[in-house]
Amino acid sequence: MGIESILVFLIVGAIAGWLAGLIVSGFGFGLVGNIVVGIVGAFIAGFLFPALGISLGSGIVAAIIHATIGAVILLVIIKVVKRA
């Protein structure tokens, strides 16, 4: 993996984590936390979407949407577990 790929990976993770934090109210983790939430969300969506037969296409925008949906799922699960 080249430096450009890592940089894009981090930017997509940061944007996705930030968007997920806006969608799921009450969650703001700062830059590093948003990157981690976005990356973990991308992995969650990467396993979940193919199993459900969902495809969002390719490109940066699709990657951000993909990771954001996964990050929202992650934050909702965290919110539910915190309440229990």
PDB file of N, CA and C in Angstrom:
ATOM      1  N   MET A   1       0.843  -1.161   0.000  1.00  0.00           N
ATOM      2  CA  MET A   1       0.000   0.000   0.000  1.00  0.00           C
ATOM      3  C   MET A   1       0.898   1.237   0.000  1.00  0.00           C
ATOM      4  N   GLY A   2       0.629   2.130  -0.926  1.00  0.00           N
ATOM      5  CA  GLY A   2       1.421   3.343  -1.018  1.00  0.00           C
ATOM      6  C   GLY A   2       0.947   4.406  -0.049  1.00  0.00           C
ATOM      7  N   ILE A   3       1.727   5.464   0.067  1.00  0.00           N
ATOM      8  CA  ILE A   3       1.391   6.552   0.979  1.00  0.00           C
ATOM      9  C   ILE A   3       0.096   7.241   0.555  1.00  0.00           C
ATOM     10  N   GLU A   4      -0.155   7.309  -0.749  1.00  0.00           N
ATOM     11  CA  GLU A   4      -1.388   7.931  -1.223  1.00  0.00           C
ATOM     12  C   GLU A   4      -2.610   7.131  -0.791  1.00  0.00           C
ATOM     13  N   SER A   5      -2.513   5.816  -0.863  1.00  0.00           N
ATOM     14  CA  SER A   5      -3.620   4.951  -0.452  1.00  0.00           C
ATOM     15  C   SER A   5      -3.904   5.088   1.039  1.00  0.00           C
ATOM     16  N   ILE A   6      -2.858   5.155   1.829  1.00  0.00           N
ATOM     17  CA  ILE A   6      -3.028   5.314   3.271  1.00  0.00           C
ATOM     18  C   ILE A   6      -3.667   6.654   3.582  1.00  0.00           C
ATOM     19  N   LEU A   7      -3.245   7.691   2.878  1.00  0.00           N
ATOM     20  CA  LEU A   7      -3.800   9.019   3.083  1.00  0.00           C
ATOM     21  C   LEU A   7      -5.286   9.059   2.726  1.00  0.00           C
ATOM     22  N   VAL A   8      -5.660   8.474   1.602  1.00  0.00           N
ATOM     23  CA  VAL A   8      -7.067   8.413   1.208  1.00  0.00           C
ATOM     24  C   VAL A   8      -7.869   7.602   2.221  1.00  0.00           C
ATOM     25  N   PHE A   9      -7.301   6.500   2.685  1.00  0.00           N
ATOM     26  CA  PHE A   9      -7.936   5.647   3.687  1.00  0.00           C
ATOM     27  C   PHE A   9      -8.243   6.446   4.954  1.00  0.00           C
ATOM     28  N   LEU A  10      -7.285   7.244   5.423  1.00  0.00           N
ATOM     29  CA  LEU A  10      -7.461   8.047   6.624  1.00  0.00           C
ATOM     30  C   LEU A  10      -8.473   9.174   6.414  1.00  0.00           C
ATOM     31  N   ILE A  11      -8.448   9.798   5.250  1.00  0.00           N
ATOM     32  CA  ILE A  11      -9.386  10.888   4.961  1.00  0.00           C
ATOM     33  C   ILE A  11     -10.809  10.358   4.880  1.00  0.00           C
ATOM     34  N   VAL A  12     -10.995   9.245   4.186  1.00  0.00           N
ATOM     35  CA  VAL A  12     -12.328   8.640   4.100  1.00  0.00           C
ATOM     36  C   VAL A  12     -12.809   8.242   5.491  1.00  0.00           C
ATOM     37  N   GLY A  13     -11.942   7.662   6.303  1.00  0.00           N
ATOM     38  CA  GLY A  13     -12.307   7.284   7.667  1.00  0.00           C
ATOM     39  C   GLY A  13     -12.690   8.482   8.512  1.00  0.00           C
ATOM     40  N   ALA A  14     -11.944   9.573   8.384  1.00  0.00           N
ATOM     41  CA  ALA A  14     -12.234  10.780   9.164  1.00  0.00           C
ATOM     42  C   ALA A  14     -13.573  11.387   8.761  1.00  0.00           C
ATOM     43  N   ILE A  15     -13.828  11.478   7.470  1.00  0.00           N
ATOM     44  CA  ILE A  15     -15.091  12.051   6.994  1.00  0.00           C
ATOM     45  C   ILE A  15     -16.260  11.170   7.407  1.00  0.00           C
ATOM     46  N   ALA A  16     -16.117   9.872   7.236  1.00  0.00           N
ATOM     47  CA  ALA A  16     -17.194   8.944   7.592  1.00  0.00           C
ATOM     48  C   ALA A  16     -17.476   8.977   9.092  1.00  0.00           C
ATOM     49  N   GLY A  17     -16.440   9.007   9.909  1.00  0.00           N
ATOM     50  CA  GLY A  17     -16.626   9.078  11.358  1.00  0.00           C
ATOM     51  C   GLY A  17     -17.277  10.374  11.788  1.00  0.00           C
ATOM     52  N   TRP A  18     -16.884  11.467  11.156  1.00  0.00           N
ATOM     53  CA  TRP A  18     -17.478  12.766  11.463  1.00  0.00           C
ATOM     54  C   TRP A  18     -18.955  12.794  11.085  1.00  0.00           C
ATOM     55  N   LEU A  19     -19.283  12.304   9.883  1.00  0.00           N
ATOM     56  CA  LEU A  19     -20.682  12.252   9.447  1.00  0.00           C
ATOM     57  C   LEU A  19     -21.513  11.353  10.355  1.00  0.00           C
ATOM     58  N   ALA A  20     -20.963  10.221  10.728  1.00  0.00           N
ATOM     59  CA  ALA A  20     -21.686   9.306  11.621  1.00  0.00           C
ATOM     60  C   ALA A  20     -21.918   9.953  12.978  1.00  0.00           C
ATOM     61  N   GLY A  21     -20.956  10.721  13.462  1.00  0.00           N
ATOM     62  CA  GLY A  21     -21.115  11.436  14.722  1.00  0.00           C
ATOM     63  C   GLY A  21     -22.219  12.476  14.650  1.00  0.00           C
ATOM     64  N   LEU A  22     -22.387  13.093  13.461  1.00  0.00           N
ATOM     65  CA  LEU A  22     -23.478  14.050  13.281  1.00  0.00           C
ATOM     66  C   LEU A  22     -24.830  13.356  13.212  1.00  0.00           C
ATOM     67  N   ILE A  23     -24.865  12.205  12.554  1.00  0.00           N
ATOM     68  CA  ILE A  23     -26.125  11.475  12.378  1.00  0.00           C
ATOM     69  C   ILE A  23     -26.593  10.881  13.699  1.00  0.00           C
ATOM     70  N   VAL A  24     -25.686  10.255  14.433  1.00  0.00           N
ATOM     71  CA  VAL A  24     -26.018   9.658  15.730  1.00  0.00           C
ATOM     72  C   VAL A  24     -25.655  10.703  16.781  1.00  0.00           C
ATOM     73  N   SER A  25     -26.647  11.414  17.271  1.00  0.00           N
ATOM     74  CA  SER A  25     -26.382  12.530  18.171  1.00  0.00           C
ATOM     75  C   SER A  25     -25.737  12.057  19.480  1.00  0.00           C
ATOM     76  N   GLY A  26     -24.889  12.918  19.990  1.00  0.00           N
ATOM     77  CA  GLY A  26     -24.243  12.610  21.257  1.00  0.00           C
ATOM     78  C   GLY A  26     -22.877  11.973  21.124  1.00  0.00           C
ATOM     79  N   PHE A  27     -22.409  11.774  19.893  1.00  0.00           N
ATOM     80  CA  PHE A  27     -21.103  11.142  19.709  1.00  0.00           C
ATOM     81  C   PHE A  27     -20.181  12.073  18.939  1.00  0.00           C
ATOM     82  N   GLY A  28     -19.103  12.476  19.574  1.00  0.00           N
ATOM     83  CA  GLY A  28     -18.045  13.235  18.957  1.00  0.00           C
ATOM     84  C   GLY A  28     -16.745  12.755  19.561  1.00  0.00           C
ATOM     85  N   PHE A  29     -15.850  12.262  18.750  1.00  0.00           N
ATOM     86  CA  PHE A  29     -14.650  11.622  19.277  1.00  0.00           C
ATOM     87  C   PHE A  29     -13.370  12.376  18.946  1.00  0.00           C
ATOM     88  N   GLY A  30     -13.444  13.508  18.302  1.00  0.00           N
ATOM     89  CA  GLY A  30     -12.239  14.194  17.866  1.00  0.00           C
ATOM     90  C   GLY A  30     -11.720  13.562  16.578  1.00  0.00           C
ATOM     91  N   LEU A  31     -10.649  14.090  16.064  1.00  0.00           N
ATOM     92  CA  LEU A  31     -10.134  13.648  14.769  1.00  0.00           C
ATOM     93  C   LEU A  31      -9.712  12.183  14.778  1.00  0.00           C
ATOM     94  N   VAL A  32      -8.909  11.789  15.737  1.00  0.00           N
ATOM     95  CA  VAL A  32      -8.414  10.406  15.782  1.00  0.00           C
ATOM     96  C   VAL A  32      -9.566   9.435  16.025  1.00  0.00           C
ATOM     97  N   GLY A  33     -10.464   9.786  16.935  1.00  0.00           N
ATOM     98  CA  GLY A  33     -11.625   8.937  17.211  1.00  0.00           C
ATOM     99  C   GLY A  33     -12.519   8.791  15.997  1.00  0.00           C
ATOM    100  N   ASN A  34     -12.729   9.899  15.260  1.00  0.00           N
ATOM    101  CA  ASN A  34     -13.543   9.831  14.052  1.00  0.00           C
ATOM    102  C   ASN A  34     -12.908   8.933  12.996  1.00  0.00           C
ATOM    103  N   ILE A  35     -11.592   9.003  12.870  1.00  0.00           N
ATOM    104  CA  ILE A  35     -10.901   8.148  11.908  1.00  0.00           C
ATOM    105  C   ILE A  35     -11.088   6.683  12.290  1.00  0.00           C
ATOM    106  N   VAL A  36     -10.925   6.376  13.566  1.00  0.00           N
ATOM    107  CA  VAL A  36     -11.081   4.989  14.030  1.00  0.00           C
ATOM    108  C   VAL A  36     -12.516   4.513  13.813  1.00  0.00           C
ATOM    109  N   VAL A  37     -13.495   5.336  14.181  1.00  0.00           N
ATOM    110  CA  VAL A  37     -14.902   4.962  13.998  1.00  0.00           C
ATOM    111  C   VAL A  37     -15.204   4.767  12.518  1.00  0.00           C
ATOM    112  N   GLY A  38     -14.701   5.640  11.665  1.00  0.00           N
ATOM    113  CA  GLY A  38     -14.926   5.512  10.221  1.00  0.00           C
ATOM    114  C   GLY A  38     -14.291   4.269   9.634  1.00  0.00           C
ATOM    115  N   ILE A  39     -13.084   3.945  10.066  1.00  0.00           N
ATOM    116  CA  ILE A  39     -12.396   2.762   9.553  1.00  0.00           C
ATOM    117  C   ILE A  39     -13.087   1.490  10.028  1.00  0.00           C
ATOM    118  N   VAL A  40     -13.444   1.433  11.317  1.00  0.00           N
ATOM    119  CA  VAL A  40     -14.160   0.259  11.829  1.00  0.00           C
ATOM    120  C   VAL A  40     -15.524   0.147  11.141  1.00  0.00           C
ATOM    121  N   GLY A  41     -16.177   1.277  10.919  1.00  0.00           N
ATOM    122  CA  GLY A  41     -17.450   1.279  10.201  1.00  0.00           C
ATOM    123  C   GLY A  41     -17.314   0.776   8.773  1.00  0.00           C
ATOM    124  N   ALA A  42     -16.211   1.112   8.123  1.00  0.00           N
ATOM    125  CA  ALA A  42     -15.970   0.613   6.772  1.00  0.00           C
ATOM    126  C   ALA A  42     -15.804  -0.900   6.769  1.00  0.00           C
ATOM    127  N   PHE A  43     -15.125  -1.427   7.778  1.00  0.00           N
ATOM    128  CA  PHE A  43     -14.980  -2.880   7.881  1.00  0.00           C
ATOM    129  C   PHE A  43     -16.331  -3.551   8.145  1.00  0.00           C
ATOM    130  N   ILE A  44     -17.140  -2.954   9.017  1.00  0.00           N
ATOM    131  CA  ILE A  44     -18.465  -3.515   9.305  1.00  0.00           C
ATOM    132  C   ILE A  44     -19.311  -3.541   8.039  1.00  0.00           C
ATOM    133  N   ALA A  45     -19.349  -2.422   7.331  1.00  0.00           N
ATOM    134  CA  ALA A  45     -20.127  -2.356   6.097  1.00  0.00           C
ATOM    135  C   ALA A  45     -19.536  -3.256   5.016  1.00  0.00           C
ATOM    136  N   GLY A  46     -18.212  -3.407   5.027  1.00  0.00           N
ATOM    137  CA  GLY A  46     -17.561  -4.279   4.057  1.00  0.00           C
ATOM    138  C   GLY A  46     -17.943  -5.742   4.225  1.00  0.00           C
ATOM    139  N   PHE A  47     -18.251  -6.151   5.445  1.00  0.00           N
ATOM    140  CA  PHE A  47     -18.724  -7.515   5.671  1.00  0.00           C
ATOM    141  C   PHE A  47     -20.230  -7.628   5.495  1.00  0.00           C
ATOM    142  N   LEU A  48     -20.964  -6.600   5.914  1.00  0.00           N
ATOM    143  CA  LEU A  48     -22.419  -6.653   5.939  1.00  0.00           C
ATOM    144  C   LEU A  48     -23.043  -6.479   4.554  1.00  0.00           C
ATOM    145  N   PHE A  49     -22.591  -5.503   3.786  1.00  0.00           N
ATOM    146  CA  PHE A  49     -23.219  -5.204   2.497  1.00  0.00           C
ATOM    147  C   PHE A  49     -23.140  -6.344   1.495  1.00  0.00           C
ATOM    148  N   PRO A  50     -21.983  -6.988   1.297  1.00  0.00           N
ATOM    149  CA  PRO A  50     -21.956  -8.118   0.359  1.00  0.00           C
ATOM    150  C   PRO A  50     -22.848  -9.276   0.800  1.00  0.00           C
ATOM    151  N   ALA A  51     -22.955  -9.484   2.109  1.00  0.00           N
ATOM    152  CA  ALA A  51     -23.818 -10.555   2.613  1.00  0.00           C
ATOM    153  C   ALA A  51     -25.278 -10.275   2.306  1.00  0.00           C
ATOM    154  N   LEU A  52     -25.644  -8.993   2.276  1.00  0.00           N
ATOM    155  CA  LEU A  52     -27.019  -8.607   1.956  1.00  0.00           C
ATOM    156  C   LEU A  52     -27.234  -8.366   0.469  1.00  0.00           C
ATOM    157  N   GLY A  53     -26.167  -8.402  -0.301  1.00  0.00           N
ATOM    158  CA  GLY A  53     -26.261  -8.195  -1.745  1.00  0.00           C
ATOM    159  C   GLY A  53     -26.386  -6.740  -2.138  1.00  0.00           C
ATOM    160  N   ILE A  54     -25.904  -5.829  -1.301  1.00  0.00           N
ATOM    161  CA  ILE A  54     -25.999  -4.393  -1.560  1.00  0.00           C
ATOM    162  C   ILE A  54     -24.684  -3.900  -2.144  1.00  0.00           C
ATOM    163  N   SER A  55     -24.774  -3.096  -3.205  1.00  0.00           N
ATOM    164  CA  SER A  55     -23.592  -2.503  -3.810  1.00  0.00           C
ATOM    165  C   SER A  55     -23.845  -1.019  -4.030  1.00  0.00           C
ATOM    166  N   LEU A  56     -22.936  -0.183  -3.565  1.00  0.00           N
ATOM    167  CA  LEU A  56     -23.084   1.261  -3.715  1.00  0.00           C
ATOM    168  C   LEU A  56     -22.251   1.819  -4.854  1.00  0.00           C
ATOM    169  N   GLY A  57     -21.513   0.986  -5.528  1.00  0.00           N
ATOM    170  CA  GLY A  57     -20.677   1.449  -6.612  1.00  0.00           C
ATOM    171  C   GLY A  57     -19.239   1.586  -6.165  1.00  0.00           C
ATOM    172  N   SER A  58     -18.487   2.381  -6.915  1.00  0.00           N
ATOM    173  CA  SER A  58     -17.073   2.561  -6.589  1.00  0.00           C
ATOM    174  C   SER A  58     -16.743   4.045  -6.587  1.00  0.00           C
ATOM    175  N   GLY A  59     -15.586   4.362  -6.085  1.00  0.00           N
ATOM    176  CA  GLY A  59     -15.147   5.749  -6.021  1.00  0.00           C
ATOM    177  C   GLY A  59     -15.101   6.250  -4.593  1.00  0.00           C
ATOM    178  N   ILE A  60     -14.603   7.458  -4.440  1.00  0.00           N
ATOM    179  CA  ILE A  60     -14.418   8.055  -3.123  1.00  0.00           C
ATOM    180  C   ILE A  60     -15.761   8.332  -2.451  1.00  0.00           C
ATOM    181  N   VAL A  61     -16.709   8.884  -3.189  1.00  0.00           N
ATOM    182  CA  VAL A  61     -18.011   9.217  -2.599  1.00  0.00           C
ATOM    183  C   VAL A  61     -18.718   7.956  -2.120  1.00  0.00           C
ATOM    184  N   ALA A  62     -18.686   6.905  -2.917  1.00  0.00           N
ATOM    185  CA  ALA A  62     -19.302   5.639  -2.514  1.00  0.00           C
ATOM    186  C   ALA A  62     -18.587   5.057  -1.295  1.00  0.00           C
ATOM    187  N   ALA A  63     -17.269   5.206  -1.239  1.00  0.00           N
ATOM    188  CA  ALA A  63     -16.515   4.715  -0.079  1.00  0.00           C
ATOM    189  C   ALA A  63     -16.895   5.486   1.181  1.00  0.00           C
ATOM    190  N   ILE A  64     -17.093   6.784   1.058  1.00  0.00           N
ATOM    191  CA  ILE A  64     -17.484   7.593   2.215  1.00  0.00           C
ATOM    192  C   ILE A  64     -18.883   7.202   2.682  1.00  0.00           C
ATOM    193  N   ILE A  65     -19.820   7.019   1.749  1.00  0.00           N
ATOM    194  CA  ILE A  65     -21.180   6.613   2.104  1.00  0.00           C
ATOM    195  C   ILE A  65     -21.157   5.237   2.748  1.00  0.00           C
ATOM    196  N   HIS A  66     -20.407   4.344   2.168  1.00  0.00           N
ATOM    197  CA  HIS A  66     -20.261   2.970   2.673  1.00  0.00           C
ATOM    198  C   HIS A  66     -19.739   2.981   4.104  1.00  0.00           C
ATOM    199  N   ALA A  67     -18.652   3.701   4.339  1.00  0.00           N
ATOM    200  CA  ALA A  67     -18.045   3.762   5.668  1.00  0.00           C
ATOM    201  C   ALA A  67     -18.947   4.493   6.658  1.00  0.00           C
ATOM    202  N   THR A  68     -19.665   5.501   6.196  1.00  0.00           N
ATOM    203  CA  THR A  68     -20.560   6.241   7.081  1.00  0.00           C
ATOM    204  C   THR A  68     -21.693   5.352   7.577  1.00  0.00           C
ATOM    205  N   ILE A  69     -22.277   4.572   6.689  1.00  0.00           N
ATOM    206  CA  ILE A  69     -23.357   3.671   7.092  1.00  0.00           C
ATOM    207  C   ILE A  69     -22.839   2.660   8.111  1.00  0.00           C
ATOM    208  N   GLY A  70     -21.672   2.110   7.858  1.00  0.00           N
ATOM    209  CA  GLY A  70     -21.081   1.172   8.816  1.00  0.00           C
ATOM    210  C   GLY A  70     -20.766   1.830  10.149  1.00  0.00           C
ATOM    211  N   ALA A  71     -20.288   3.074  10.109  1.00  0.00           N
ATOM    212  CA  ALA A  71     -19.973   3.791  11.346  1.00  0.00           C
ATOM    213  C   ALA A  71     -21.239   4.124  12.130  1.00  0.00           C
ATOM    214  N   VAL A  72     -22.326   4.451  11.423  1.00  0.00           N
ATOM    215  CA  VAL A  72     -23.604   4.702  12.098  1.00  0.00           C
ATOM    216  C   VAL A  72     -24.074   3.432  12.794  1.00  0.00           C
ATOM    217  N   ILE A  73     -23.948   2.300  12.119  1.00  0.00           N
ATOM    218  CA  ILE A  73     -24.312   1.017  12.731  1.00  0.00           C
ATOM    219  C   ILE A  73     -23.480   0.792  13.987  1.00  0.00           C
ATOM    220  N   LEU A  74     -22.180   1.049  13.903  1.00  0.00           N
ATOM    221  CA  LEU A  74     -21.287   0.886  15.055  1.00  0.00           C
ATOM    222  C   LEU A  74     -21.703   1.790  16.210  1.00  0.00           C
ATOM    223  N   LEU A  75     -21.985   3.055  15.925  1.00  0.00           N
ATOM    224  CA  LEU A  75     -22.345   3.989  16.985  1.00  0.00           C
ATOM    225  C   LEU A  75     -23.699   3.646  17.616  1.00  0.00           C
ATOM    226  N   VAL A  76     -24.625   3.164  16.817  1.00  0.00           N
ATOM    227  CA  VAL A  76     -25.925   2.752  17.368  1.00  0.00           C
ATOM    228  C   VAL A  76     -25.731   1.558  18.286  1.00  0.00           C
ATOM    229  N   ILE A  77     -24.899   0.609  17.886  1.00  0.00           N
ATOM    230  CA  ILE A  77     -24.630  -0.560  18.736  1.00  0.00           C
ATOM    231  C   ILE A  77     -23.965  -0.109  20.048  1.00  0.00           C
ATOM    232  N   ILE A  78     -23.016   0.817  19.961  1.00  0.00           N
ATOM    233  CA  ILE A  78     -22.360   1.321  21.163  1.00  0.00           C
ATOM    234  C   ILE A  78     -23.376   2.015  22.069  1.00  0.00           C
ATOM    235  N   LYS A  79     -24.276   2.799  21.474  1.00  0.00           N
ATOM    236  CA  LYS A  79     -25.284   3.510  22.246  1.00  0.00           C
ATOM    237  C   LYS A  79     -26.221   2.544  22.965  1.00  0.00           C
ATOM    238  N   VAL A  80     -26.623   1.472  22.271  1.00  0.00           N
ATOM    239  CA  VAL A  80     -27.512   0.480  22.880  1.00  0.00           C
ATOM    240  C   VAL A  80     -26.815  -0.269  24.010  1.00  0.00           C
ATOM    241  N   VAL A  81     -25.555  -0.628  23.800  1.00  0.00           N
ATOM    242  CA  VAL A  81     -24.804  -1.359  24.824  1.00  0.00           C
ATOM    243  C   VAL A  81     -24.555  -0.468  26.038  1.00  0.00           C
ATOM    244  N   LYS A  82     -24.293   0.819  25.815  1.00  0.00           N
ATOM    245  CA  LYS A  82     -24.063   1.737  26.924  1.00  0.00           C
ATOM    246  C   LYS A  82     -25.304   1.887  27.808  1.00  0.00           C
ATOM    247  N   ARG A  83     -26.481   1.853  27.203  1.00  0.00           N
ATOM    248  CA  ARG A  83     -27.726   1.993  27.954  1.00  0.00           C
ATOM    249  C   ARG A  83     -28.031   0.755  28.789  1.00  0.00           C
ATOM    250  N   ALA A  84     -27.599  -0.399  28.312  1.00  0.00           N
ATOM    251  CA  ALA A  84     -27.921  -1.659  29.007  1.00  0.00           C
ATOM    252  C   ALA A  84     -27.125  -1.835  30.266  1.00  0.00           C
TER     253      ALA A  84
END
